[in-house]
Amino acid sequence: MRIIAKKTLVKYGTIYADSRASLRDWYLEMKRCTAANPAELRQTFPTADPVGKSNKQTCFNIKGNNYRLIVQIIYKAQLVYVNEFLTHAEYTRKYCGGK
């Protein structure tokens, strides 16, 4: 798959230095991925989950679930758009209604 935009991942890896290696690993694995749908994606990324009001985004656990990477995947075009990178606590507040 083609990831849009790698620069954003590098920026997150700079801000959250302890996530840098995990983000790099995710990027390399996603780049090799050829999943045609969410079920196939879960064969490569078992913890990938739909997220958001319409479940059109996908959430990936990064660095042992310390961070969450939110992307939109266009399977037919094999494109991945990086939307946001959150700590686990930020993700809980935003997507789970947690405090």
C-alpha atoms as a PDB file:
ATOM      1  CA  MET A   1       0.000   0.000   0.000  1.00  0.00           C
ATOM      2  CA  ARG A   2       1.017   3.588  -0.487  1.00  0.00           C
ATOM      3  CA  ILE A   3       1.077   5.630   2.718  1.00  0.00           C
ATOM      4  CA  ILE A   4       0.140   9.322   2.578  1.00  0.00           C
ATOM      5  CA  ALA A   5       2.078  11.032   4.230  1.00  0.00           C
ATOM      6  CA  LYS A   6       5.295   9.539   5.530  1.00  0.00           C
ATOM      7  CA  LYS A   7       6.416  12.998   6.693  1.00  0.00           C
ATOM      8  CA  THR A   8       3.562  12.992   9.201  1.00  0.00           C
ATOM      9  CA  LEU A   9       4.758   9.681  10.651  1.00  0.00           C
ATOM     10  CA  VAL A  10       8.290  11.067  10.934  1.00  0.00           C
ATOM     11  CA  LYS A  11       6.889  14.125  12.746  1.00  0.00           C
ATOM     12  CA  TYR A  12       5.020  11.899  15.222  1.00  0.00           C
ATOM     13  CA  GLY A  13       8.174   9.853  15.749  1.00  0.00           C
ATOM     14  CA  THR A  14      10.045  13.050  16.564  1.00  0.00           C
ATOM     15  CA  ILE A  15       7.404  14.314  18.992  1.00  0.00           C
ATOM     16  CA  TYR A  16       6.987  10.896  20.638  1.00  0.00           C
ATOM     17  CA  ALA A  17      10.548   9.586  20.363  1.00  0.00           C
ATOM     18  CA  ASP A  18       9.765   6.317  22.150  1.00  0.00           C
ATOM     19  CA  SER A  19       7.334   5.428  19.331  1.00  0.00           C
ATOM     20  CA  ARG A  20       9.811   5.989  16.480  1.00  0.00           C
ATOM     21  CA  ALA A  21      10.856   2.341  15.985  1.00  0.00           C
ATOM     22  CA  SER A  22       7.275   1.074  16.251  1.00  0.00           C
ATOM     23  CA  LEU A  23       6.052   3.639  13.714  1.00  0.00           C
ATOM     24  CA  ARG A  24       8.866   2.640  11.356  1.00  0.00           C
ATOM     25  CA  ASP A  25       7.943  -1.040  11.731  1.00  0.00           C
ATOM     26  CA  TRP A  26       4.258  -0.264  11.095  1.00  0.00           C
ATOM     27  CA  TYR A  27       5.172   1.776   8.010  1.00  0.00           C
ATOM     28  CA  LEU A  28       7.337  -0.976   6.507  1.00  0.00           C
ATOM     29  CA  GLU A  29       4.720  -3.670   7.185  1.00  0.00           C
ATOM     30  CA  MET A  30       1.867  -1.535   5.829  1.00  0.00           C
ATOM     31  CA  LYS A  31       3.894  -0.706   2.726  1.00  0.00           C
ATOM     32  CA  ARG A  32       4.153  -4.454   1.986  1.00  0.00           C
ATOM     33  CA  CYS A  33       0.493  -5.104   2.815  1.00  0.00           C
ATOM     34  CA  THR A  34      -1.891  -5.853  -0.066  1.00  0.00           C
ATOM     35  CA  ALA A  35      -5.108  -6.361   1.907  1.00  0.00           C
ATOM     36  CA  ALA A  36      -8.290  -5.958  -0.123  1.00  0.00           C
ATOM     37  CA  ASN A  37     -10.594  -5.486   2.883  1.00  0.00           C
ATOM     38  CA  PRO A  38     -10.570  -5.178   6.691  1.00  0.00           C
ATOM     39  CA  ALA A  39     -10.664  -8.953   7.211  1.00  0.00           C
ATOM     40  CA  GLU A  40      -7.505  -9.401   5.144  1.00  0.00           C
ATOM     41  CA  LEU A  41      -5.882  -6.460   6.924  1.00  0.00           C
ATOM     42  CA  ARG A  42      -6.421  -8.205  10.269  1.00  0.00           C
ATOM     43  CA  GLN A  43      -4.395 -11.168   9.012  1.00  0.00           C
ATOM     44  CA  THR A  44      -1.368  -8.853   8.989  1.00  0.00           C
ATOM     45  CA  PHE A  45      -2.467  -6.503  11.793  1.00  0.00           C
ATOM     46  CA  PRO A  46      -4.643  -8.545  14.205  1.00  0.00           C
ATOM     47  CA  THR A  47      -5.395  -5.574  16.464  1.00  0.00           C
ATOM     48  CA  ALA A  48      -6.523  -3.216  13.675  1.00  0.00           C
ATOM     49  CA  ASP A  49     -10.013  -1.978  14.496  1.00  0.00           C
ATOM     50  CA  PRO A  50     -12.559   0.240  12.766  1.00  0.00           C
ATOM     51  CA  VAL A  51     -13.020   3.563  14.530  1.00  0.00           C
ATOM     52  CA  GLY A  52     -14.987   6.777  14.196  1.00  0.00           C
ATOM     53  CA  LYS A  53     -18.664   7.524  13.778  1.00  0.00           C
ATOM     54  CA  SER A  54     -18.941   5.736  10.451  1.00  0.00           C
ATOM     55  CA  ASN A  55     -16.141   3.193  11.058  1.00  0.00           C
ATOM     56  CA  LYS A  56     -14.375   4.500   7.944  1.00  0.00           C
ATOM     57  CA  GLN A  57     -11.093   4.874   9.792  1.00  0.00           C
ATOM     58  CA  THR A  58      -8.835   2.184  11.170  1.00  0.00           C
ATOM     59  CA  CYS A  59      -6.994   2.263  14.482  1.00  0.00           C
ATOM     60  CA  PHE A  60      -3.628   0.560  14.972  1.00  0.00           C
ATOM     61  CA  ASN A  61      -1.988  -0.091  18.332  1.00  0.00           C
ATOM     62  CA  ILE A  62       1.551   1.290  18.284  1.00  0.00           C
ATOM     63  CA  LYS A  63       4.315   0.462  20.747  1.00  0.00           C
ATOM     64  CA  GLY A  64       2.448  -2.127  22.734  1.00  0.00           C
ATOM     65  CA  ASN A  65      -0.798  -0.163  22.846  1.00  0.00           C
ATOM     66  CA  ASN A  66       0.853   2.988  24.258  1.00  0.00           C
ATOM     67  CA  TYR A  67      -0.195   4.933  21.165  1.00  0.00           C
ATOM     68  CA  ARG A  68      -2.962   4.754  18.585  1.00  0.00           C
ATOM     69  CA  LEU A  69      -2.456   5.528  14.909  1.00  0.00           C
ATOM     70  CA  ILE A  70      -5.674   6.469  13.110  1.00  0.00           C
ATOM     71  CA  VAL A  71      -5.723   6.113   9.320  1.00  0.00           C
ATOM     72  CA  GLN A  72      -8.182   5.917   6.467  1.00  0.00           C
ATOM     73  CA  ILE A  73      -7.619   3.054   4.058  1.00  0.00           C
ATOM     74  CA  ILE A  74      -8.880   3.036   0.479  1.00  0.00           C
ATOM     75  CA  TYR A  75      -8.499  -0.669  -0.252  1.00  0.00           C
ATOM     76  CA  LYS A  76      -9.349  -0.536  -3.953  1.00  0.00           C
ATOM     77  CA  ALA A  77      -6.655   2.093  -4.594  1.00  0.00           C
ATOM     78  CA  GLN A  78      -4.258   0.602  -1.997  1.00  0.00           C
ATOM     79  CA  LEU A  79      -3.894   3.991  -0.286  1.00  0.00           C
ATOM     80  CA  VAL A  80      -3.487   4.762   3.407  1.00  0.00           C
ATOM     81  CA  TYR A  81      -4.056   8.308   4.666  1.00  0.00           C
ATOM     82  CA  VAL A  82      -2.513   9.062   8.058  1.00  0.00           C
ATOM     83  CA  ASN A  83      -5.080  11.022  10.078  1.00  0.00           C
ATOM     84  CA  GLU A  84      -3.802  11.282  13.632  1.00  0.00           C
ATOM     85  CA  PHE A  85      -1.515   9.809  16.264  1.00  0.00           C
ATOM     86  CA  LEU A  86      -2.706   9.756  19.859  1.00  0.00           C
ATOM     87  CA  THR A  87      -1.555   8.517  23.208  1.00  0.00           C
ATOM     88  CA  HIS A  88      -3.753   5.776  24.611  1.00  0.00           C
ATOM     89  CA  ALA A  89      -5.318   8.277  27.039  1.00  0.00           C
ATOM     90  CA  GLU A  90      -6.038  10.813  24.267  1.00  0.00           C
ATOM     91  CA  TYR A  91      -7.633   8.084  22.161  1.00  0.00           C
ATOM     92  CA  THR A  92      -9.852   6.996  25.071  1.00  0.00           C
ATOM     93  CA  ARG A  93     -11.042  10.566  25.649  1.00  0.00           C
ATOM     94  CA  LYS A  94     -11.723  11.244  21.977  1.00  0.00           C
ATOM     95  CA  TYR A  95     -13.169   7.955  20.714  1.00  0.00           C
ATOM     96  CA  CYS A  96     -14.438   6.151  23.795  1.00  0.00           C
ATOM     97  CA  GLY A  97     -15.931   9.022  25.734  1.00  0.00           C
ATOM     98  CA  GLY A  98     -13.460   8.381  28.543  1.00  0.00           C
ATOM     99  CA  LYS A  99     -12.140  10.956  30.965  1.00  0.00           C
END
